[in-house]
């Protein structure tokens, strides 16, 4: 079982890397920004970035910590090669 400190530590690791919480019911919850994960004693509230402002959430998901069975890094978007100046 994960503790509140485990999730806080992961979300505060510099530099922040988006991660996924894996929940016992098969649910997967993605965390895209450290300011959009709210850690309580027994629950996590995770906000999904709004389309208009990624620092605001819309919608959000509430997860009981007792059901969190894993955390993993989200795949990083592939970098584009900006040195290619063929136009």
PDB file of N, CA and C in Angstrom:
ATOM      1  N   UNK A   1       0.839  -1.183   0.000  1.00  0.00           N
ATOM      2  CA  UNK A   1       0.000   0.000   0.000  1.00  0.00           C
ATOM      3  C   UNK A   1       0.887   1.251   0.000  1.00  0.00           C
ATOM      4  N   UNK A   2       0.502   2.221  -0.777  1.00  0.00           N
ATOM      5  CA  UNK A   2       1.244   3.475  -0.841  1.00  0.00           C
ATOM      6  C   UNK A   2       0.775   4.410   0.263  1.00  0.00           C
ATOM      7  N   UNK A   3       1.708   5.181   0.780  1.00  0.00           N
ATOM      8  CA  UNK A   3       1.401   6.172   1.814  1.00  0.00           C
ATOM      9  C   UNK A   3       1.330   7.558   1.183  1.00  0.00           C
ATOM     10  N   UNK A   4       0.706   8.513   1.859  1.00  0.00           N
ATOM     11  CA  UNK A   4       0.676   9.884   1.334  1.00  0.00           C
ATOM     12  C   UNK A   4       2.072  10.410   1.015  1.00  0.00           C
ATOM     13  N   UNK A   5       3.046  10.093   1.867  1.00  0.00           N
ATOM     14  CA  UNK A   5       4.422  10.557   1.653  1.00  0.00           C
ATOM     15  C   UNK A   5       5.020  10.021   0.357  1.00  0.00           C
ATOM     16  N   UNK A   6       4.648   8.794  -0.030  1.00  0.00           N
ATOM     17  CA  UNK A   6       5.162   8.205  -1.265  1.00  0.00           C
ATOM     18  C   UNK A   6       4.723   9.017  -2.479  1.00  0.00           C
ATOM     19  N   UNK A   7       3.456   9.387  -2.500  1.00  0.00           N
ATOM     20  CA  UNK A   7       2.931  10.137  -3.647  1.00  0.00           C
ATOM     21  C   UNK A   7       3.486  11.561  -3.639  1.00  0.00           C
ATOM     22  N   UNK A   8       3.566  12.181  -2.454  1.00  0.00           N
ATOM     23  CA  UNK A   8       4.124  13.532  -2.378  1.00  0.00           C
ATOM     24  C   UNK A   8       5.574  13.546  -2.841  1.00  0.00           C
ATOM     25  N   UNK A   9       6.348  12.577  -2.414  1.00  0.00           N
ATOM     26  CA  UNK A   9       7.756  12.525  -2.803  1.00  0.00           C
ATOM     27  C   UNK A   9       7.888  12.384  -4.316  1.00  0.00           C
ATOM     28  N   UNK A  10       7.065  11.523  -4.910  1.00  0.00           N
ATOM     29  CA  UNK A  10       7.134  11.318  -6.368  1.00  0.00           C
ATOM     30  C   UNK A  10       6.733  12.576  -7.121  1.00  0.00           C
ATOM     31  N   UNK A  11       5.723  13.260  -6.647  1.00  0.00           N
ATOM     32  CA  UNK A  11       5.252  14.453  -7.360  1.00  0.00           C
ATOM     33  C   UNK A  11       6.178  15.650  -7.160  1.00  0.00           C
ATOM     34  N   UNK A  12       7.054  15.585  -6.171  1.00  0.00           N
ATOM     35  CA  UNK A  12       7.970  16.700  -5.899  1.00  0.00           C
ATOM     36  C   UNK A  12       9.395  16.447  -6.368  1.00  0.00           C
ATOM     37  N   UNK A  13       9.646  15.292  -6.970  1.00  0.00           N
ATOM     38  CA  UNK A  13      11.000  15.001  -7.474  1.00  0.00           C
ATOM     39  C   UNK A  13      11.373  15.986  -8.569  1.00  0.00           C
ATOM     40  N   UNK A  14      12.529  16.656  -8.422  1.00  0.00           N
ATOM     41  CA  UNK A  14      12.954  17.533  -9.515  1.00  0.00           C
ATOM     42  C   UNK A  14      13.791  16.762 -10.525  1.00  0.00           C
ATOM     43  N   UNK A  15      13.659  16.972 -11.769  1.00  0.00           N
ATOM     44  CA  UNK A  15      12.568  17.720 -12.382  1.00  0.00           C
ATOM     45  C   UNK A  15      11.303  16.862 -12.402  1.00  0.00           C
ATOM     46  N   UNK A  16      10.156  17.514 -12.393  1.00  0.00           N
ATOM     47  CA  UNK A  16       8.895  16.779 -12.409  1.00  0.00           C
ATOM     48  C   UNK A  16       8.766  16.000 -13.715  1.00  0.00           C
ATOM     49  N   UNK A  17       8.371  14.746 -13.575  1.00  0.00           N
ATOM     50  CA  UNK A  17       8.084  13.891 -14.735  1.00  0.00           C
ATOM     51  C   UNK A  17       6.657  13.375 -14.570  1.00  0.00           C
ATOM     52  N   UNK A  18       5.811  13.570 -15.565  1.00  0.00           N
ATOM     53  CA  UNK A  18       4.438  13.064 -15.458  1.00  0.00           C
ATOM     54  C   UNK A  18       4.450  11.563 -15.138  1.00  0.00           C
ATOM     55  N   UNK A  19       3.488  11.139 -14.320  1.00  0.00           N
ATOM     56  CA  UNK A  19       3.446   9.734 -13.921  1.00  0.00           C
ATOM     57  C   UNK A  19       2.012   9.231 -13.871  1.00  0.00           C
ATOM     58  N   UNK A  20       1.899   7.925 -13.791  1.00  0.00           N
ATOM     59  CA  UNK A  20       0.596   7.251 -13.768  1.00  0.00           C
ATOM     60  C   UNK A  20       0.451   6.509 -12.455  1.00  0.00           C
ATOM     61  N   UNK A  21      -0.715   6.658 -11.834  1.00  0.00           N
ATOM     62  CA  UNK A  21      -1.078   5.863 -10.667  1.00  0.00           C
ATOM     63  C   UNK A  21      -1.890   4.675 -11.168  1.00  0.00           C
ATOM     64  N   UNK A  22      -1.560   3.496 -10.696  1.00  0.00           N
ATOM     65  CA  UNK A  22      -2.293   2.294 -11.058  1.00  0.00           C
ATOM     66  C   UNK A  22      -3.113   1.891  -9.836  1.00  0.00           C
ATOM     67  N   UNK A  23      -4.414   1.752 -10.063  1.00  0.00           N
ATOM     68  CA  UNK A  23      -5.352   1.507  -8.970  1.00  0.00           C
ATOM     69  C   UNK A  23      -5.867   0.073  -9.072  1.00  0.00           C
ATOM     70  N   UNK A  24      -6.146  -0.541  -7.927  1.00  0.00           N
ATOM     71  CA  UNK A  24      -6.496  -1.956  -7.873  1.00  0.00           C
ATOM     72  C   UNK A  24      -7.678  -2.336  -8.754  1.00  0.00           C
ATOM     73  N   UNK A  25      -8.607  -1.457  -9.004  1.00  0.00           N
ATOM     74  CA  UNK A  25      -9.758  -1.785  -9.843  1.00  0.00           C
ATOM     75  C   UNK A  25      -9.415  -1.766 -11.333  1.00  0.00           C
ATOM     76  N   UNK A  26      -8.151  -1.538 -11.676  1.00  0.00           N
ATOM     77  CA  UNK A  26      -7.733  -1.478 -13.067  1.00  0.00           C
ATOM     78  C   UNK A  26      -7.690  -0.063 -13.610  1.00  0.00           C
ATOM     79  N   UNK A  27      -8.132   0.893 -12.826  1.00  0.00           N
ATOM     80  CA  UNK A  27      -8.117   2.291 -13.228  1.00  0.00           C
ATOM     81  C   UNK A  27      -6.675   2.789 -13.300  1.00  0.00           C
ATOM     82  N   UNK A  28      -6.426   3.643 -14.271  1.00  0.00           N
ATOM     83  CA  UNK A  28      -5.135   4.312 -14.382  1.00  0.00           C
ATOM     84  C   UNK A  28      -5.395   5.804 -14.385  1.00  0.00           C
ATOM     85  N   UNK A  29      -4.685   6.504 -13.512  1.00  0.00           N
ATOM     86  CA  UNK A  29      -4.877   7.944 -13.358  1.00  0.00           C
ATOM     87  C   UNK A  29      -3.551   8.625 -13.648  1.00  0.00           C
ATOM     88  N   UNK A  30      -3.546   9.519 -14.625  1.00  0.00           N
ATOM     89  CA  UNK A  30      -2.326  10.199 -15.033  1.00  0.00           C
ATOM     90  C   UNK A  30      -2.184  11.536 -14.319  1.00  0.00           C
ATOM     91  N   UNK A  31      -0.965  11.817 -13.875  1.00  0.00           N
ATOM     92  CA  UNK A  31      -0.647  13.075 -13.192  1.00  0.00           C
ATOM     93  C   UNK A  31       0.287  13.847 -14.117  1.00  0.00           C
ATOM     94  N   UNK A  32      -0.200  14.993 -14.607  1.00  0.00           N
ATOM     95  CA  UNK A  32       0.551  15.776 -15.589  1.00  0.00           C
ATOM     96  C   UNK A  32       1.263  16.990 -15.011  1.00  0.00           C
ATOM     97  N   UNK A  33       0.891  17.398 -13.810  1.00  0.00           N
ATOM     98  CA  UNK A  33       1.504  18.593 -13.218  1.00  0.00           C
ATOM     99  C   UNK A  33       1.495  18.445 -11.700  1.00  0.00           C
ATOM    100  N   UNK A  34       2.597  18.781 -11.023  1.00  0.00           N
ATOM    101  CA  UNK A  34       2.659  18.579  -9.578  1.00  0.00           C
ATOM    102  C   UNK A  34       1.636  19.402  -8.800  1.00  0.00           C
ATOM    103  N   UNK A  35       1.201  20.525  -9.351  1.00  0.00           N
ATOM    104  CA  UNK A  35       0.215  21.348  -8.647  1.00  0.00           C
ATOM    105  C   UNK A  35      -1.205  20.812  -8.783  1.00  0.00           C
ATOM    106  N   UNK A  36      -1.385  19.755  -9.582  1.00  0.00           N
ATOM    107  CA  UNK A  36      -2.724  19.211  -9.792  1.00  0.00           C
ATOM    108  C   UNK A  36      -2.934  17.863  -9.096  1.00  0.00           C
ATOM    109  N   UNK A  37      -2.051  17.520  -8.152  1.00  0.00           N
ATOM    110  CA  UNK A  37      -2.259  16.339  -7.312  1.00  0.00           C
ATOM    111  C   UNK A  37      -2.347  16.817  -5.863  1.00  0.00           C
ATOM    112  N   UNK A  38      -3.466  16.470  -5.221  1.00  0.00           N
ATOM    113  CA  UNK A  38      -3.734  16.897  -3.851  1.00  0.00           C
ATOM    114  C   UNK A  38      -3.740  15.650  -2.986  1.00  0.00           C
ATOM    115  N   UNK A  39      -2.813  15.602  -2.016  1.00  0.00           N
ATOM    116  CA  UNK A  39      -2.604  14.410  -1.210  1.00  0.00           C
ATOM    117  C   UNK A  39      -3.235  14.605   0.155  1.00  0.00           C
ATOM    118  N   UNK A  40      -4.125  13.678   0.504  1.00  0.00           N
ATOM    119  CA  UNK A  40      -4.745  13.673   1.826  1.00  0.00           C
ATOM    120  C   UNK A  40      -4.287  12.455   2.605  1.00  0.00           C
ATOM    121  N   UNK A  41      -4.792  12.316   3.801  1.00  0.00           N
ATOM    122  CA  UNK A  41      -4.426  11.160   4.635  1.00  0.00           C
ATOM    123  C   UNK A  41      -4.876   9.846   4.014  1.00  0.00           C
ATOM    124  N   UNK A  42      -6.071   9.838   3.404  1.00  0.00           N
ATOM    125  CA  UNK A  42      -6.629   8.596   2.874  1.00  0.00           C
ATOM    126  C   UNK A  42      -6.966   8.637   1.388  1.00  0.00           C
ATOM    127  N   UNK A  43      -6.995   9.831   0.810  1.00  0.00           N
ATOM    128  CA  UNK A  43      -7.397   9.974  -0.585  1.00  0.00           C
ATOM    129  C   UNK A  43      -6.436  10.879  -1.350  1.00  0.00           C
ATOM    130  N   UNK A  44      -6.437  10.691  -2.660  1.00  0.00           N
ATOM    131  CA  UNK A  44      -5.743  11.585  -3.580  1.00  0.00           C
ATOM    132  C   UNK A  44      -6.803  12.213  -4.461  1.00  0.00           C
ATOM    133  N   UNK A  45      -6.623  13.469  -4.762  1.00  0.00           N
ATOM    134  CA  UNK A  45      -7.464  14.138  -5.743  1.00  0.00           C
ATOM    135  C   UNK A  45      -6.534  14.615  -6.846  1.00  0.00           C
ATOM    136  N   UNK A  46      -6.801  14.142  -8.052  1.00  0.00           N
ATOM    137  CA  UNK A  46      -5.935  14.452  -9.187  1.00  0.00           C
ATOM    138  C   UNK A  46      -6.734  15.241 -10.205  1.00  0.00           C
ATOM    139  N   UNK A  47      -6.224  16.406 -10.556  1.00  0.00           N
ATOM    140  CA  UNK A  47      -6.872  17.233 -11.558  1.00  0.00           C
ATOM    141  C   UNK A  47      -6.278  16.968 -12.929  1.00  0.00           C
ATOM    142  N   UNK A  48      -7.133  16.941 -13.934  1.00  0.00           N
ATOM    143  CA  UNK A  48      -6.682  16.833 -15.314  1.00  0.00           C
ATOM    144  C   UNK A  48      -6.591  18.240 -15.884  1.00  0.00           C
ATOM    145  N   UNK A  49      -5.499  18.580 -16.555  1.00  0.00           N
ATOM    146  CA  UNK A  49      -5.315  19.946 -17.048  1.00  0.00           C
ATOM    147  C   UNK A  49      -6.456  20.388 -17.968  1.00  0.00           C
ATOM    148  N   UNK A  50      -6.901  21.610 -17.746  1.00  0.00           N
ATOM    149  CA  UNK A  50      -7.920  22.218 -18.602  1.00  0.00           C
ATOM    150  C   UNK A  50      -7.315  22.503 -19.971  1.00  0.00           C
ATOM    151  N   UNK A  51      -8.133  22.458 -21.004  1.00  0.00           N
ATOM    152  CA  UNK A  51      -7.638  22.779 -22.350  1.00  0.00           C
ATOM    153  C   UNK A  51      -7.231  24.243 -22.455  1.00  0.00           C
ATOM    154  N   UNK A  52      -7.932  25.114 -21.764  1.00  0.00           N
ATOM    155  CA  UNK A  52      -7.661  26.549 -21.852  1.00  0.00           C
ATOM    156  C   UNK A  52      -6.460  26.980 -21.015  1.00  0.00           C
ATOM    157  N   UNK A  53      -6.253  26.324 -19.868  1.00  0.00           N
ATOM    158  CA  UNK A  53      -5.158  26.692 -18.977  1.00  0.00           C
ATOM    159  C   UNK A  53      -4.677  25.419 -18.286  1.00  0.00           C
ATOM    160  N   UNK A  54      -3.515  24.883 -18.662  1.00  0.00           N
ATOM    161  CA  UNK A  54      -3.057  23.615 -18.098  1.00  0.00           C
ATOM    162  C   UNK A  54      -2.742  23.653 -16.607  1.00  0.00           C
ATOM    163  N   UNK A  55      -2.756  24.832 -15.983  1.00  0.00           N
ATOM    164  CA  UNK A  55      -2.535  24.912 -14.538  1.00  0.00           C
ATOM    165  C   UNK A  55      -3.851  24.872 -13.758  1.00  0.00           C
ATOM    166  N   UNK A  56      -4.978  24.848 -14.471  1.00  0.00           N
ATOM    167  CA  UNK A  56      -6.289  24.691 -13.849  1.00  0.00           C
ATOM    168  C   UNK A  56      -6.820  23.312 -14.197  1.00  0.00           C
ATOM    169  N   UNK A  57      -7.592  22.726 -13.287  1.00  0.00           N
ATOM    170  CA  UNK A  57      -8.106  21.392 -13.589  1.00  0.00           C
ATOM    171  C   UNK A  57      -9.536  21.434 -14.109  1.00  0.00           C
ATOM    172  N   UNK A  58      -9.827  20.443 -14.949  1.00  0.00           N
ATOM    173  CA  UNK A  58     -11.185  20.232 -15.431  1.00  0.00           C
ATOM    174  C   UNK A  58     -11.192  18.950 -16.240  1.00  0.00           C
ATOM    175  N   UNK A  59     -11.610  17.868 -15.734  1.00  0.00           N
ATOM    176  CA  UNK A  59     -12.232  17.554 -14.453  1.00  0.00           C
ATOM    177  C   UNK A  59     -11.197  17.084 -13.435  1.00  0.00           C
ATOM    178  N   UNK A  60     -11.666  16.394 -12.395  1.00  0.00           N
ATOM    179  CA  UNK A  60     -10.754  15.816 -11.413  1.00  0.00           C
ATOM    180  C   UNK A  60     -11.205  14.414 -11.062  1.00  0.00           C
ATOM    181  N   UNK A  61     -10.292  13.665 -10.444  1.00  0.00           N
ATOM    182  CA  UNK A  61     -10.527  12.262 -10.076  1.00  0.00           C
ATOM    183  C   UNK A  61     -10.126  12.090  -8.620  1.00  0.00           C
ATOM    184  N   UNK A  62     -10.933  11.377  -7.850  1.00  0.00           N
ATOM    185  CA  UNK A  62     -10.601  11.090  -6.446  1.00  0.00           C
ATOM    186  C   UNK A  62     -10.327   9.601  -6.310  1.00  0.00           C
ATOM    187  N   UNK A  63      -9.208   9.278  -5.646  1.00  0.00           N
ATOM    188  CA  UNK A  63      -8.761   7.895  -5.516  1.00  0.00           C
ATOM    189  C   UNK A  63      -8.410   7.627  -4.054  1.00  0.00           C
ATOM    190  N   UNK A  64      -8.872   6.500  -3.523  1.00  0.00           N
ATOM    191  CA  UNK A  64      -8.493   6.085  -2.169  1.00  0.00           C
ATOM    192  C   UNK A  64      -7.069   5.541  -2.206  1.00  0.00           C
ATOM    193  N   UNK A  65      -6.228   6.028  -1.316  1.00  0.00           N
ATOM    194  CA  UNK A  65      -4.824   5.589  -1.281  1.00  0.00           C
ATOM    195  C   UNK A  65      -4.703   4.082  -1.096  1.00  0.00           C
ATOM    196  N   UNK A  66      -5.604   3.484  -0.373  1.00  0.00           N
ATOM    197  CA  UNK A  66      -5.539   2.049  -0.120  1.00  0.00           C
ATOM    198  C   UNK A  66      -5.653   1.248  -1.420  1.00  0.00           C
ATOM    199  N   UNK A  67      -6.199   1.847  -2.473  1.00  0.00           N
ATOM    200  CA  UNK A  67      -6.351   1.156  -3.747  1.00  0.00           C
ATOM    201  C   UNK A  67      -5.206   1.404  -4.727  1.00  0.00           C
ATOM    202  N   UNK A  68      -4.279   2.296  -4.392  1.00  0.00           N
ATOM    203  CA  UNK A  68      -3.142   2.558  -5.282  1.00  0.00           C
ATOM    204  C   UNK A  68      -2.154   1.404  -5.146  1.00  0.00           C
ATOM    205  N   UNK A  69      -1.907   0.713  -6.268  1.00  0.00           N
ATOM    206  CA  UNK A  69      -1.021  -0.452  -6.236  1.00  0.00           C
ATOM    207  C   UNK A  69       0.285  -0.226  -6.989  1.00  0.00           C
ATOM    208  N   UNK A  70       0.394   0.905  -7.711  1.00  0.00           N
ATOM    209  CA  UNK A  70       1.629   1.159  -8.430  1.00  0.00           C
ATOM    210  C   UNK A  70       1.717   2.572  -8.956  1.00  0.00           C
ATOM    211  N   UNK A  71       2.944   2.979  -9.275  1.00  0.00           N
ATOM    212  CA  UNK A  71       3.222   4.263  -9.913  1.00  0.00           C
ATOM    213  C   UNK A  71       4.251   4.001 -11.003  1.00  0.00           C
ATOM    214  N   UNK A  72       4.067   4.650 -12.160  1.00  0.00           N
ATOM    215  CA  UNK A  72       5.020   4.498 -13.247  1.00  0.00           C
ATOM    216  C   UNK A  72       5.126   5.800 -14.013  1.00  0.00           C
ATOM    217  N   UNK A  73       6.279   6.012 -14.641  1.00  0.00           N
ATOM    218  CA  UNK A  73       6.468   7.202 -15.473  1.00  0.00           C
ATOM    219  C   UNK A  73       5.574   7.110 -16.700  1.00  0.00           C
ATOM    220  N   UNK A  74       5.041   8.239 -17.113  1.00  0.00           N
ATOM    221  CA  UNK A  74       4.328   8.304 -18.387  1.00  0.00           C
ATOM    222  C   UNK A  74       5.364   8.406 -19.497  1.00  0.00           C
ATOM    223  N   UNK A  75       5.065   7.848 -20.661  1.00  0.00           N
ATOM    224  CA  UNK A  75       6.011   7.978 -21.777  1.00  0.00           C
ATOM    225  C   UNK A  75       6.213   9.448 -22.130  1.00  0.00           C
ATOM    226  N   UNK A  76       7.450   9.806 -22.400  1.00  0.00           N
ATOM    227  CA  UNK A  76       7.775  11.174 -22.793  1.00  0.00           C
ATOM    228  C   UNK A  76       7.487  11.353 -24.272  1.00  0.00           C
ATOM    229  N   UNK A  77       6.936  12.512 -24.653  1.00  0.00           N
ATOM    230  CA  UNK A  77       6.721  12.743 -26.084  1.00  0.00           C
ATOM    231  C   UNK A  77       8.064  12.752 -26.805  1.00  0.00           C
ATOM    232  N   UNK A  78       8.060  12.226 -28.014  1.00  0.00           N
ATOM    233  CA  UNK A  78       9.302  12.177 -28.774  1.00  0.00           C
ATOM    234  C   UNK A  78       9.719  13.577 -29.174  1.00  0.00           C
ATOM    235  N   UNK A  79      10.997  13.862 -29.007  1.00  0.00           N
ATOM    236  CA  UNK A  79      11.511  15.188 -29.362  1.00  0.00           C
ATOM    237  C   UNK A  79      11.561  15.313 -30.875  1.00  0.00           C
ATOM    238  N   UNK A  80      11.216  16.488 -31.344  1.00  0.00           N
ATOM    239  CA  UNK A  80      11.318  16.726 -32.783  1.00  0.00           C
ATOM    240  C   UNK A  80      12.686  17.290 -33.088  1.00  0.00           C
ATOM    241  N   UNK A  81      13.224  16.937 -34.244  1.00  0.00           N
ATOM    242  CA  UNK A  81      14.552  17.402 -34.635  1.00  0.00           C
ATOM    243  C   UNK A  81      14.412  18.776 -35.289  1.00  0.00           C
ATOM    244  N   UNK A  82      14.747  19.814 -34.542  1.00  0.00           N
ATOM    245  CA  UNK A  82      14.606  21.189 -35.036  1.00  0.00           C
ATOM    246  C   UNK A  82      15.805  21.618 -35.872  1.00  0.00           C
ATOM    247  N   UNK A  83      16.816  20.776 -35.938  1.00  0.00           N
ATOM    248  CA  UNK A  83      18.005  21.143 -36.724  1.00  0.00           C
ATOM    249  C   UNK A  83      17.782  20.873 -38.211  1.00  0.00           C
ATOM    250  N   UNK A  84      16.702  20.177 -38.551  1.00  0.00           N
ATOM    251  CA  UNK A  84      16.402  19.896 -39.953  1.00  0.00           C
ATOM    252  C   UNK A  84      15.783  21.128 -40.581  1.00  0.00           C
ATOM    253  N   UNK A  85      16.501  21.789 -41.450  1.00  0.00           N
ATOM    254  CA  UNK A  85      16.008  23.040 -42.048  1.00  0.00           C
ATOM    255  C   UNK A  85      15.591  22.859 -43.501  1.00  0.00           C
ATOM    256  N   UNK A  86      15.139  21.650 -43.831  1.00  0.00           N
ATOM    257  CA  UNK A  86      14.707  21.433 -45.209  1.00  0.00           C
ATOM    258  C   UNK A  86      13.343  22.058 -45.415  1.00  0.00           C
ATOM    259  N   UNK A  87      13.276  23.099 -46.230  1.00  0.00           N
ATOM    260  CA  UNK A  87      11.992  23.760 -46.453  1.00  0.00           C
ATOM    261  C   UNK A  87      11.826  24.121 -47.905  1.00  0.00           C
TER     262      UNK A  87
END
